[in-house]
């Protein structure tokens, strides 16, 4: 399929200046969402993440166990949407979560660089699902995108879509910090959606530039335009560097302003984070909390 031709059916991205102006506009509105109700909603949208070189069975068991106990210790608040781990720890996380309704997210597909054989990407994604992952996060091939190899890039994502199955939530990371320009971020987002993914996600958190409000505005605009053309809702996930309640409120407001209230459930809005959960808890409860 000629994906360059499909991209040409969409308007170009806004200029960097126009994106900055939109961010400024939305930032001016975000104060309305700096409150306990919105922070609780953001807490329920978190993919609680541990993706460290020091991860181990013991650590993941403790980490996921705390998430599972959260509903008991804080029954008045929503639990995080998922626990996100490397594929080798999916079964460990599943045992620790037990009967909890918290989903298990696994990164896969050669995360964080996507620089491996397609067969390895497919096998890793399939094994993650077989081990119990409910959701899988993969990265586009940034090099293929930048070289204009759109058919190849989308073809890989389509294979991964088939490999994990329609019942598994597939999130695709565009690594917006490496793309930088609005038009490149927009193309990456649209191409990922054309491959049938459920979410587009900003970042791996493994390079120097992670989630930014500017990238979020471009990506949410692409989601809106794709929805208007196809009628299919695709979710947005901000990940990497989202640490404060004010950060969370800003991304919440971006989604609210560009996509609308129907996108503000965990089915279509996620935040990939670790420290943010404690900071939200502290803001909501009005006292210092270090739970996760």
C-alpha atoms as a PDB file:
ATOM      1  CA  UNK A   1       0.000   0.000   0.000  1.00  0.00           C
ATOM      2  CA  UNK A   2       1.255   3.499  -0.785  1.00  0.00           C
ATOM      3  CA  UNK A   3       1.191   5.225   2.584  1.00  0.00           C
ATOM      4  CA  UNK A   4       2.837   8.379   1.257  1.00  0.00           C
ATOM      5  CA  UNK A   5      -0.225   8.787  -0.926  1.00  0.00           C
ATOM      6  CA  UNK A   6      -2.525   8.223   2.057  1.00  0.00           C
ATOM      7  CA  UNK A   7      -0.640  10.855   4.044  1.00  0.00           C
ATOM      8  CA  UNK A   8      -1.172  13.347   1.246  1.00  0.00           C
ATOM      9  CA  UNK A   9      -4.912  13.162   1.893  1.00  0.00           C
ATOM     10  CA  UNK A  10      -4.356  14.872   5.257  1.00  0.00           C
ATOM     11  CA  UNK A  11      -3.500  18.524   5.736  1.00  0.00           C
ATOM     12  CA  UNK A  12       0.051  19.339   6.783  1.00  0.00           C
ATOM     13  CA  UNK A  13       0.931  19.923  10.420  1.00  0.00           C
ATOM     14  CA  UNK A  14       0.734  23.370  11.914  1.00  0.00           C
ATOM     15  CA  UNK A  15       3.962  25.365  12.023  1.00  0.00           C
ATOM     16  CA  UNK A  16       6.143  25.317  15.123  1.00  0.00           C
ATOM     17  CA  UNK A  17       4.983  28.863  15.891  1.00  0.00           C
ATOM     18  CA  UNK A  18       1.322  27.885  15.623  1.00  0.00           C
ATOM     19  CA  UNK A  19       1.888  24.817  17.797  1.00  0.00           C
ATOM     20  CA  UNK A  20       3.605  26.983  20.413  1.00  0.00           C
ATOM     21  CA  UNK A  21       0.671  29.390  20.340  1.00  0.00           C
ATOM     22  CA  UNK A  22      -1.772  26.518  20.855  1.00  0.00           C
ATOM     23  CA  UNK A  23       0.278  25.227  23.784  1.00  0.00           C
ATOM     24  CA  UNK A  24       0.242  28.701  25.311  1.00  0.00           C
ATOM     25  CA  UNK A  25      -3.523  28.917  24.862  1.00  0.00           C
ATOM     26  CA  UNK A  26      -4.128  25.562  26.501  1.00  0.00           C
ATOM     27  CA  UNK A  27      -1.610  26.230  29.263  1.00  0.00           C
ATOM     28  CA  UNK A  28      -3.633  29.319  30.165  1.00  0.00           C
ATOM     29  CA  UNK A  29      -6.685  27.079  30.625  1.00  0.00           C
ATOM     30  CA  UNK A  30      -4.976  24.282  32.546  1.00  0.00           C
ATOM     31  CA  UNK A  31      -5.413  25.946  35.952  1.00  0.00           C
ATOM     32  CA  UNK A  32      -9.089  24.942  35.864  1.00  0.00           C
ATOM     33  CA  UNK A  33      -7.933  21.318  35.945  1.00  0.00           C
ATOM     34  CA  UNK A  34      -5.501  21.665  38.823  1.00  0.00           C
ATOM     35  CA  UNK A  35      -7.834  20.090  41.350  1.00  0.00           C
ATOM     36  CA  UNK A  36      -8.350  16.824  43.209  1.00  0.00           C
ATOM     37  CA  UNK A  37     -10.955  15.418  40.815  1.00  0.00           C
ATOM     38  CA  UNK A  38      -8.728  15.816  37.771  1.00  0.00           C
ATOM     39  CA  UNK A  39      -5.676  14.565  39.636  1.00  0.00           C
ATOM     40  CA  UNK A  40      -7.637  11.477  40.685  1.00  0.00           C
ATOM     41  CA  UNK A  41      -8.629  10.924  37.044  1.00  0.00           C
ATOM     42  CA  UNK A  42      -4.982  11.257  36.025  1.00  0.00           C
ATOM     43  CA  UNK A  43      -3.999   8.756  38.723  1.00  0.00           C
ATOM     44  CA  UNK A  44      -6.448   6.288  37.189  1.00  0.00           C
ATOM     45  CA  UNK A  45      -4.877   6.885  33.762  1.00  0.00           C
ATOM     46  CA  UNK A  46      -1.308   6.038  34.822  1.00  0.00           C
ATOM     47  CA  UNK A  47       0.621   3.134  33.372  1.00  0.00           C
ATOM     48  CA  UNK A  48       2.756   2.648  36.488  1.00  0.00           C
ATOM     49  CA  UNK A  49       6.138   1.959  34.974  1.00  0.00           C
ATOM     50  CA  UNK A  50       9.345   0.201  35.973  1.00  0.00           C
ATOM     51  CA  UNK A  51      11.770  -0.173  33.076  1.00  0.00           C
ATOM     52  CA  UNK A  52      15.173  -0.146  34.728  1.00  0.00           C
ATOM     53  CA  UNK A  53      18.358  -2.121  34.208  1.00  0.00           C
ATOM     54  CA  UNK A  54      18.076  -3.043  37.902  1.00  0.00           C
ATOM     55  CA  UNK A  55      14.606  -4.618  37.623  1.00  0.00           C
ATOM     56  CA  UNK A  56      14.357  -8.112  39.090  1.00  0.00           C
ATOM     57  CA  UNK A  57      11.704 -10.652  40.026  1.00  0.00           C
ATOM     58  CA  UNK A  58      11.835  -9.409  43.619  1.00  0.00           C
ATOM     59  CA  UNK A  59      11.483  -5.746  42.682  1.00  0.00           C
ATOM     60  CA  UNK A  60       8.669  -6.295  40.164  1.00  0.00           C
ATOM     61  CA  UNK A  61       6.813  -8.456  42.691  1.00  0.00           C
ATOM     62  CA  UNK A  62       7.029  -5.657  45.274  1.00  0.00           C
ATOM     63  CA  UNK A  63       6.178  -2.952  42.734  1.00  0.00           C
ATOM     64  CA  UNK A  64       3.128  -4.732  41.314  1.00  0.00           C
ATOM     65  CA  UNK A  65       2.090  -5.882  44.775  1.00  0.00           C
ATOM     66  CA  UNK A  66       1.847  -2.278  45.955  1.00  0.00           C
ATOM     67  CA  UNK A  67      -0.314  -1.478  42.940  1.00  0.00           C
ATOM     68  CA  UNK A  68      -2.583  -4.415  43.773  1.00  0.00           C
ATOM     69  CA  UNK A  69      -2.963  -3.245  47.391  1.00  0.00           C
ATOM     70  CA  UNK A  70      -3.717   0.341  46.388  1.00  0.00           C
ATOM     71  CA  UNK A  71      -7.474  -0.261  46.133  1.00  0.00           C
ATOM     72  CA  UNK A  72      -7.458  -1.507  49.738  1.00  0.00           C
ATOM     73  CA  UNK A  73      -5.312   1.292  51.113  1.00  0.00           C
ATOM     74  CA  UNK A  74      -6.974   4.083  49.095  1.00  0.00           C
ATOM     75  CA  UNK A  75     -10.504   2.798  48.350  1.00  0.00           C
ATOM     76  CA  UNK A  76     -11.737   6.309  47.542  1.00  0.00           C
ATOM     77  CA  UNK A  77      -9.304   6.698  44.618  1.00  0.00           C
ATOM     78  CA  UNK A  78      -8.985   4.928  41.257  1.00  0.00           C
ATOM     79  CA  UNK A  79      -6.121   2.480  40.941  1.00  0.00           C
ATOM     80  CA  UNK A  80      -3.545   2.985  38.181  1.00  0.00           C
ATOM     81  CA  UNK A  81      -4.653   1.706  34.788  1.00  0.00           C
ATOM     82  CA  UNK A  82      -1.775  -0.720  34.393  1.00  0.00           C
ATOM     83  CA  UNK A  83       1.649  -1.818  35.538  1.00  0.00           C
ATOM     84  CA  UNK A  84       4.230  -1.557  32.739  1.00  0.00           C
ATOM     85  CA  UNK A  85       7.243  -3.891  32.752  1.00  0.00           C
ATOM     86  CA  UNK A  86       9.769  -5.551  30.481  1.00  0.00           C
ATOM     87  CA  UNK A  87       8.421  -8.728  28.809  1.00  0.00           C
ATOM     88  CA  UNK A  88      10.498 -11.064  30.977  1.00  0.00           C
ATOM     89  CA  UNK A  89       8.573  -9.818  34.039  1.00  0.00           C
ATOM     90  CA  UNK A  90       5.022 -10.083  32.714  1.00  0.00           C
ATOM     91  CA  UNK A  91       4.291 -13.357  34.483  1.00  0.00           C
ATOM     92  CA  UNK A  92       5.861 -12.065  37.697  1.00  0.00           C
ATOM     93  CA  UNK A  93       3.688  -8.936  37.582  1.00  0.00           C
ATOM     94  CA  UNK A  94       0.634 -11.061  36.892  1.00  0.00           C
ATOM     95  CA  UNK A  95       1.208 -13.196  39.972  1.00  0.00           C
ATOM     96  CA  UNK A  96       1.685 -10.110  42.137  1.00  0.00           C
ATOM     97  CA  UNK A  97      -1.420  -8.380  40.779  1.00  0.00           C
ATOM     98  CA  UNK A  98      -3.554 -11.458  41.369  1.00  0.00           C
ATOM     99  CA  UNK A  99      -7.265 -10.734  41.016  1.00  0.00           C
ATOM    100  CA  UNK A 100      -6.670  -6.982  40.690  1.00  0.00           C
ATOM    101  CA  UNK A 101      -8.319  -5.257  37.750  1.00  0.00           C
ATOM    102  CA  UNK A 102      -5.059  -3.451  36.962  1.00  0.00           C
ATOM    103  CA  UNK A 103      -3.870  -4.393  33.485  1.00  0.00           C
ATOM    104  CA  UNK A 104      -0.383  -5.647  32.652  1.00  0.00           C
ATOM    105  CA  UNK A 105       1.491  -3.647  30.023  1.00  0.00           C
ATOM    106  CA  UNK A 106       4.638  -5.047  28.437  1.00  0.00           C
ATOM    107  CA  UNK A 107       7.082  -3.167  26.268  1.00  0.00           C
ATOM    108  CA  UNK A 108       8.175  -5.308  23.335  1.00  0.00           C
ATOM    109  CA  UNK A 109       9.358  -5.245  19.746  1.00  0.00           C
ATOM    110  CA  UNK A 110      12.978  -4.354  20.476  1.00  0.00           C
ATOM    111  CA  UNK A 111      12.161  -1.599  22.972  1.00  0.00           C
ATOM    112  CA  UNK A 112      13.487   1.081  23.267  1.00  0.00           C
ATOM    113  CA  UNK A 113      15.182   1.396  19.853  1.00  0.00           C
ATOM    114  CA  UNK A 114      13.213  -1.016  17.642  1.00  0.00           C
ATOM    115  CA  UNK A 115      16.553  -1.949  16.089  1.00  0.00           C
ATOM    116  CA  UNK A 116      16.266  -5.712  15.766  1.00  0.00           C
ATOM    117  CA  UNK A 117      14.974  -8.371  13.385  1.00  0.00           C
ATOM    118  CA  UNK A 118      11.264  -8.304  12.562  1.00  0.00           C
ATOM    119  CA  UNK A 119      11.069 -11.957  13.607  1.00  0.00           C
ATOM    120  CA  UNK A 120      12.440 -11.020  17.036  1.00  0.00           C
ATOM    121  CA  UNK A 121       9.938  -8.174  17.369  1.00  0.00           C
ATOM    122  CA  UNK A 122       7.066 -10.481  16.514  1.00  0.00           C
ATOM    123  CA  UNK A 123       8.216 -13.273  18.814  1.00  0.00           C
ATOM    124  CA  UNK A 124       8.816 -10.923  21.741  1.00  0.00           C
ATOM    125  CA  UNK A 125       5.372  -9.358  21.361  1.00  0.00           C
ATOM    126  CA  UNK A 126       3.705 -12.773  21.064  1.00  0.00           C
ATOM    127  CA  UNK A 127       5.559 -14.146  24.092  1.00  0.00           C
ATOM    128  CA  UNK A 128       4.555 -11.116  26.164  1.00  0.00           C
ATOM    129  CA  UNK A 129       0.900 -11.777  25.382  1.00  0.00           C
ATOM    130  CA  UNK A 130       1.280 -15.495  26.034  1.00  0.00           C
ATOM    131  CA  UNK A 131       2.809 -14.633  29.419  1.00  0.00           C
ATOM    132  CA  UNK A 132      -0.261 -12.590  30.318  1.00  0.00           C
ATOM    133  CA  UNK A 133       0.199  -9.067  28.959  1.00  0.00           C
ATOM    134  CA  UNK A 134      -3.073  -7.231  28.373  1.00  0.00           C
ATOM    135  CA  UNK A 135      -1.357  -4.356  26.586  1.00  0.00           C
ATOM    136  CA  UNK A 136       1.826  -4.091  24.521  1.00  0.00           C
ATOM    137  CA  UNK A 137       3.882  -0.941  23.881  1.00  0.00           C
ATOM    138  CA  UNK A 138       6.215  -0.940  20.864  1.00  0.00           C
ATOM    139  CA  UNK A 139       8.368   1.688  19.152  1.00  0.00           C
ATOM    140  CA  UNK A 140       8.264   2.708  15.507  1.00  0.00           C
ATOM    141  CA  UNK A 141      11.430   2.398  13.460  1.00  0.00           C
ATOM    142  CA  UNK A 142      12.458   6.044  13.650  1.00  0.00           C
ATOM    143  CA  UNK A 143      15.116   5.544  10.981  1.00  0.00           C
ATOM    144  CA  UNK A 144      12.609   4.137   8.514  1.00  0.00           C
ATOM    145  CA  UNK A 145      10.278   7.043   9.143  1.00  0.00           C
ATOM    146  CA  UNK A 146      12.997   9.649   8.646  1.00  0.00           C
ATOM    147  CA  UNK A 147      14.128   7.929   5.430  1.00  0.00           C
ATOM    148  CA  UNK A 148      10.581   7.969   4.068  1.00  0.00           C
ATOM    149  CA  UNK A 149      10.234   4.181   4.158  1.00  0.00           C
ATOM    150  CA  UNK A 150       6.616   4.498   5.219  1.00  0.00           C
ATOM    151  CA  UNK A 151       5.353   1.212   3.753  1.00  0.00           C
ATOM    152  CA  UNK A 152       8.068  -0.734   5.534  1.00  0.00           C
ATOM    153  CA  UNK A 153       7.441   1.002   8.862  1.00  0.00           C
ATOM    154  CA  UNK A 154       3.669   0.533   8.716  1.00  0.00           C
ATOM    155  CA  UNK A 155       4.110  -3.039   7.503  1.00  0.00           C
ATOM    156  CA  UNK A 156       6.052  -3.911  10.654  1.00  0.00           C
ATOM    157  CA  UNK A 157       3.433  -2.303  12.887  1.00  0.00           C
ATOM    158  CA  UNK A 158       0.675  -4.151  11.028  1.00  0.00           C
ATOM    159  CA  UNK A 159       2.464  -7.455  11.625  1.00  0.00           C
ATOM    160  CA  UNK A 160       2.762  -6.652  15.326  1.00  0.00           C
ATOM    161  CA  UNK A 161      -0.937  -5.750  15.375  1.00  0.00           C
ATOM    162  CA  UNK A 162      -1.722  -9.201  13.984  1.00  0.00           C
ATOM    163  CA  UNK A 163       0.756 -10.898  16.321  1.00  0.00           C
ATOM    164  CA  UNK A 164      -0.701  -9.543  19.562  1.00  0.00           C
ATOM    165  CA  UNK A 165      -4.311  -9.924  18.419  1.00  0.00           C
ATOM    166  CA  UNK A 166      -7.198  -7.488  18.405  1.00  0.00           C
ATOM    167  CA  UNK A 167      -8.060  -8.212  22.043  1.00  0.00           C
ATOM    168  CA  UNK A 168      -4.676  -6.838  23.181  1.00  0.00           C
ATOM    169  CA  UNK A 169      -4.277  -3.061  23.462  1.00  0.00           C
ATOM    170  CA  UNK A 170      -1.412  -2.008  21.189  1.00  0.00           C
ATOM    171  CA  UNK A 171       0.320   1.303  21.933  1.00  0.00           C
ATOM    172  CA  UNK A 172       2.896   2.660  19.499  1.00  0.00           C
ATOM    173  CA  UNK A 173       5.645   5.017  20.618  1.00  0.00           C
ATOM    174  CA  UNK A 174       6.655   7.568  17.986  1.00  0.00           C
ATOM    175  CA  UNK A 175       9.633   8.851  20.034  1.00  0.00           C
ATOM    176  CA  UNK A 176       8.597  12.429  19.400  1.00  0.00           C
ATOM    177  CA  UNK A 177      11.769  13.855  20.945  1.00  0.00           C
ATOM    178  CA  UNK A 178      13.815  12.309  18.132  1.00  0.00           C
ATOM    179  CA  UNK A 179      11.414  13.582  15.440  1.00  0.00           C
ATOM    180  CA  UNK A 180      11.236  17.154  16.746  1.00  0.00           C
ATOM    181  CA  UNK A 181       9.429  18.836  13.832  1.00  0.00           C
ATOM    182  CA  UNK A 182       5.602  18.992  13.953  1.00  0.00           C
ATOM    183  CA  UNK A 183       5.191  17.550  10.451  1.00  0.00           C
ATOM    184  CA  UNK A 184       7.406  14.540  11.239  1.00  0.00           C
ATOM    185  CA  UNK A 185       5.570  13.855  14.507  1.00  0.00           C
ATOM    186  CA  UNK A 186       2.254  14.165  12.689  1.00  0.00           C
ATOM    187  CA  UNK A 187       3.301  11.735   9.966  1.00  0.00           C
ATOM    188  CA  UNK A 188       4.510   9.198  12.504  1.00  0.00           C
ATOM    189  CA  UNK A 189       1.226   9.413  14.405  1.00  0.00           C
ATOM    190  CA  UNK A 190      -0.958   9.101  11.313  1.00  0.00           C
ATOM    191  CA  UNK A 191       1.048   6.183   9.933  1.00  0.00           C
ATOM    192  CA  UNK A 192       0.816   4.347  13.257  1.00  0.00           C
ATOM    193  CA  UNK A 193      -2.948   4.826  13.275  1.00  0.00           C
ATOM    194  CA  UNK A 194      -3.162   3.541   9.700  1.00  0.00           C
ATOM    195  CA  UNK A 195      -1.513   0.345  10.977  1.00  0.00           C
ATOM    196  CA  UNK A 196      -4.463  -0.202  13.319  1.00  0.00           C
ATOM    197  CA  UNK A 197      -2.936   0.676  16.695  1.00  0.00           C
ATOM    198  CA  UNK A 198      -5.044   1.566  19.718  1.00  0.00           C
ATOM    199  CA  UNK A 199      -2.847   4.354  21.140  1.00  0.00           C
ATOM    200  CA  UNK A 200      -0.096   6.644  19.944  1.00  0.00           C
ATOM    201  CA  UNK A 201       2.453   7.427  22.640  1.00  0.00           C
ATOM    202  CA  UNK A 202       5.028  10.184  22.830  1.00  0.00           C
ATOM    203  CA  UNK A 203       8.198   8.636  24.153  1.00  0.00           C
ATOM    204  CA  UNK A 204      10.204   5.748  25.535  1.00  0.00           C
ATOM    205  CA  UNK A 205      11.673   7.965  28.243  1.00  0.00           C
ATOM    206  CA  UNK A 206      15.081   6.653  27.200  1.00  0.00           C
ATOM    207  CA  UNK A 207      16.376   9.652  25.211  1.00  0.00           C
ATOM    208  CA  UNK A 208      17.121  13.222  26.260  1.00  0.00           C
ATOM    209  CA  UNK A 209      13.809  14.708  25.029  1.00  0.00           C
ATOM    210  CA  UNK A 210      10.698  12.894  26.236  1.00  0.00           C
ATOM    211  CA  UNK A 211       7.063  14.041  26.312  1.00  0.00           C
ATOM    212  CA  UNK A 212       6.453  17.700  25.544  1.00  0.00           C
ATOM    213  CA  UNK A 213       3.195  19.670  25.382  1.00  0.00           C
ATOM    214  CA  UNK A 214       4.097  20.643  21.802  1.00  0.00           C
ATOM    215  CA  UNK A 215       4.319  17.002  20.696  1.00  0.00           C
ATOM    216  CA  UNK A 216       1.078  16.252  22.546  1.00  0.00           C
ATOM    217  CA  UNK A 217      -0.741  19.017  20.668  1.00  0.00           C
ATOM    218  CA  UNK A 218       0.509  17.721  17.315  1.00  0.00           C
ATOM    219  CA  UNK A 219      -0.361  14.108  18.140  1.00  0.00           C
ATOM    220  CA  UNK A 220      -3.811  14.889  19.520  1.00  0.00           C
ATOM    221  CA  UNK A 221      -4.564  16.982  16.445  1.00  0.00           C
ATOM    222  CA  UNK A 222      -3.542  14.028  14.267  1.00  0.00           C
ATOM    223  CA  UNK A 223      -5.820  11.746  16.307  1.00  0.00           C
ATOM    224  CA  UNK A 224      -8.704  14.192  15.840  1.00  0.00           C
ATOM    225  CA  UNK A 225      -8.129  14.436  12.092  1.00  0.00           C
ATOM    226  CA  UNK A 226      -7.858  10.653  11.767  1.00  0.00           C
ATOM    227  CA  UNK A 227     -11.103  10.242  13.724  1.00  0.00           C
ATOM    228  CA  UNK A 228     -12.910  12.762  11.532  1.00  0.00           C
ATOM    229  CA  UNK A 229     -11.828  10.833   8.434  1.00  0.00           C
ATOM    230  CA  UNK A 230     -12.315   7.252   9.680  1.00  0.00           C
ATOM    231  CA  UNK A 231     -14.650   7.372  12.684  1.00  0.00           C
ATOM    232  CA  UNK A 232     -12.174   5.307  14.740  1.00  0.00           C
ATOM    233  CA  UNK A 233     -11.097   6.627  18.144  1.00  0.00           C
ATOM    234  CA  UNK A 234      -7.392   6.196  18.934  1.00  0.00           C
ATOM    235  CA  UNK A 235      -5.975   6.951  22.362  1.00  0.00           C
ATOM    236  CA  UNK A 236      -3.130   9.250  23.398  1.00  0.00           C
ATOM    237  CA  UNK A 237      -0.398   8.433  25.926  1.00  0.00           C
ATOM    238  CA  UNK A 238       2.114  10.925  27.298  1.00  0.00           C
ATOM    239  CA  UNK A 239       5.226   9.257  28.686  1.00  0.00           C
ATOM    240  CA  UNK A 240       8.632  10.375  29.835  1.00  0.00           C
ATOM    241  CA  UNK A 241       9.231  13.311  32.137  1.00  0.00           C
ATOM    242  CA  UNK A 242       5.626  13.708  33.321  1.00  0.00           C
ATOM    243  CA  UNK A 243       6.297  14.207  37.010  1.00  0.00           C
ATOM    244  CA  UNK A 244       4.150  16.872  38.661  1.00  0.00           C
ATOM    245  CA  UNK A 245       0.400  17.240  39.176  1.00  0.00           C
ATOM    246  CA  UNK A 246       0.625  20.389  37.058  1.00  0.00           C
ATOM    247  CA  UNK A 247       2.218  18.381  34.221  1.00  0.00           C
ATOM    248  CA  UNK A 248      -0.624  15.870  34.431  1.00  0.00           C
ATOM    249  CA  UNK A 249      -3.246  18.626  34.417  1.00  0.00           C
ATOM    250  CA  UNK A 250      -1.679  20.193  31.337  1.00  0.00           C
ATOM    251  CA  UNK A 251      -1.759  16.945  29.330  1.00  0.00           C
ATOM    252  CA  UNK A 252      -5.304  16.303  30.549  1.00  0.00           C
ATOM    253  CA  UNK A 253      -6.290  19.775  29.315  1.00  0.00           C
ATOM    254  CA  UNK A 254      -4.612  19.237  25.932  1.00  0.00           C
ATOM    255  CA  UNK A 255      -6.674  16.087  25.406  1.00  0.00           C
ATOM    256  CA  UNK A 256      -9.822  17.801  26.670  1.00  0.00           C
ATOM    257  CA  UNK A 257      -9.403  20.834  24.409  1.00  0.00           C
ATOM    258  CA  UNK A 258      -8.385  19.067  21.196  1.00  0.00           C
ATOM    259  CA  UNK A 259     -10.175  15.716  21.424  1.00  0.00           C
ATOM    260  CA  UNK A 260     -12.986  16.273  23.898  1.00  0.00           C
ATOM    261  CA  UNK A 261     -14.268  14.790  27.130  1.00  0.00           C
ATOM    262  CA  UNK A 262     -14.953  11.381  25.555  1.00  0.00           C
ATOM    263  CA  UNK A 263     -11.178  10.846  25.314  1.00  0.00           C
ATOM    264  CA  UNK A 264     -10.607  11.453  29.041  1.00  0.00           C
ATOM    265  CA  UNK A 265     -11.090   7.889  30.266  1.00  0.00           C
ATOM    266  CA  UNK A 266      -8.258   5.334  30.620  1.00  0.00           C
ATOM    267  CA  UNK A 267      -9.615   3.697  27.460  1.00  0.00           C
ATOM    268  CA  UNK A 268      -8.209   6.621  25.464  1.00  0.00           C
ATOM    269  CA  UNK A 269      -5.937   8.635  27.756  1.00  0.00           C
ATOM    270  CA  UNK A 270      -2.857   7.339  29.560  1.00  0.00           C
ATOM    271  CA  UNK A 271       0.220   8.716  31.253  1.00  0.00           C
ATOM    272  CA  UNK A 272       3.334   6.566  31.474  1.00  0.00           C
ATOM    273  CA  UNK A 273       5.057   7.427  34.760  1.00  0.00           C
ATOM    274  CA  UNK A 274       6.455   6.235  38.055  1.00  0.00           C
ATOM    275  CA  UNK A 275       7.148   9.177  40.359  1.00  0.00           C
ATOM    276  CA  UNK A 276       4.028  11.022  39.172  1.00  0.00           C
ATOM    277  CA  UNK A 277       1.759   8.634  41.091  1.00  0.00           C
ATOM    278  CA  UNK A 278       3.268   9.618  44.450  1.00  0.00           C
ATOM    279  CA  UNK A 279       3.156  13.309  43.549  1.00  0.00           C
ATOM    280  CA  UNK A 280      -0.512  13.068  42.590  1.00  0.00           C
ATOM    281  CA  UNK A 281      -1.283  11.215  45.820  1.00  0.00           C
ATOM    282  CA  UNK A 282       0.475  13.919  47.810  1.00  0.00           C
ATOM    283  CA  UNK A 283      -1.512  16.650  46.061  1.00  0.00           C
ATOM    284  CA  UNK A 284      -4.830  14.823  46.427  1.00  0.00           C
ATOM    285  CA  UNK A 285      -4.389  13.854  50.079  1.00  0.00           C
ATOM    286  CA  UNK A 286      -2.675  17.078  51.173  1.00  0.00           C
ATOM    287  CA  UNK A 287       0.202  15.275  52.877  1.00  0.00           C
ATOM    288  CA  UNK A 288       3.504  13.774  51.783  1.00  0.00           C
ATOM    289  CA  UNK A 289       2.923  10.248  50.444  1.00  0.00           C
ATOM    290  CA  UNK A 290       5.507   7.870  49.028  1.00  0.00           C
ATOM    291  CA  UNK A 291       3.465   4.763  48.280  1.00  0.00           C
ATOM    292  CA  UNK A 292       4.824   3.413  44.998  1.00  0.00           C
END
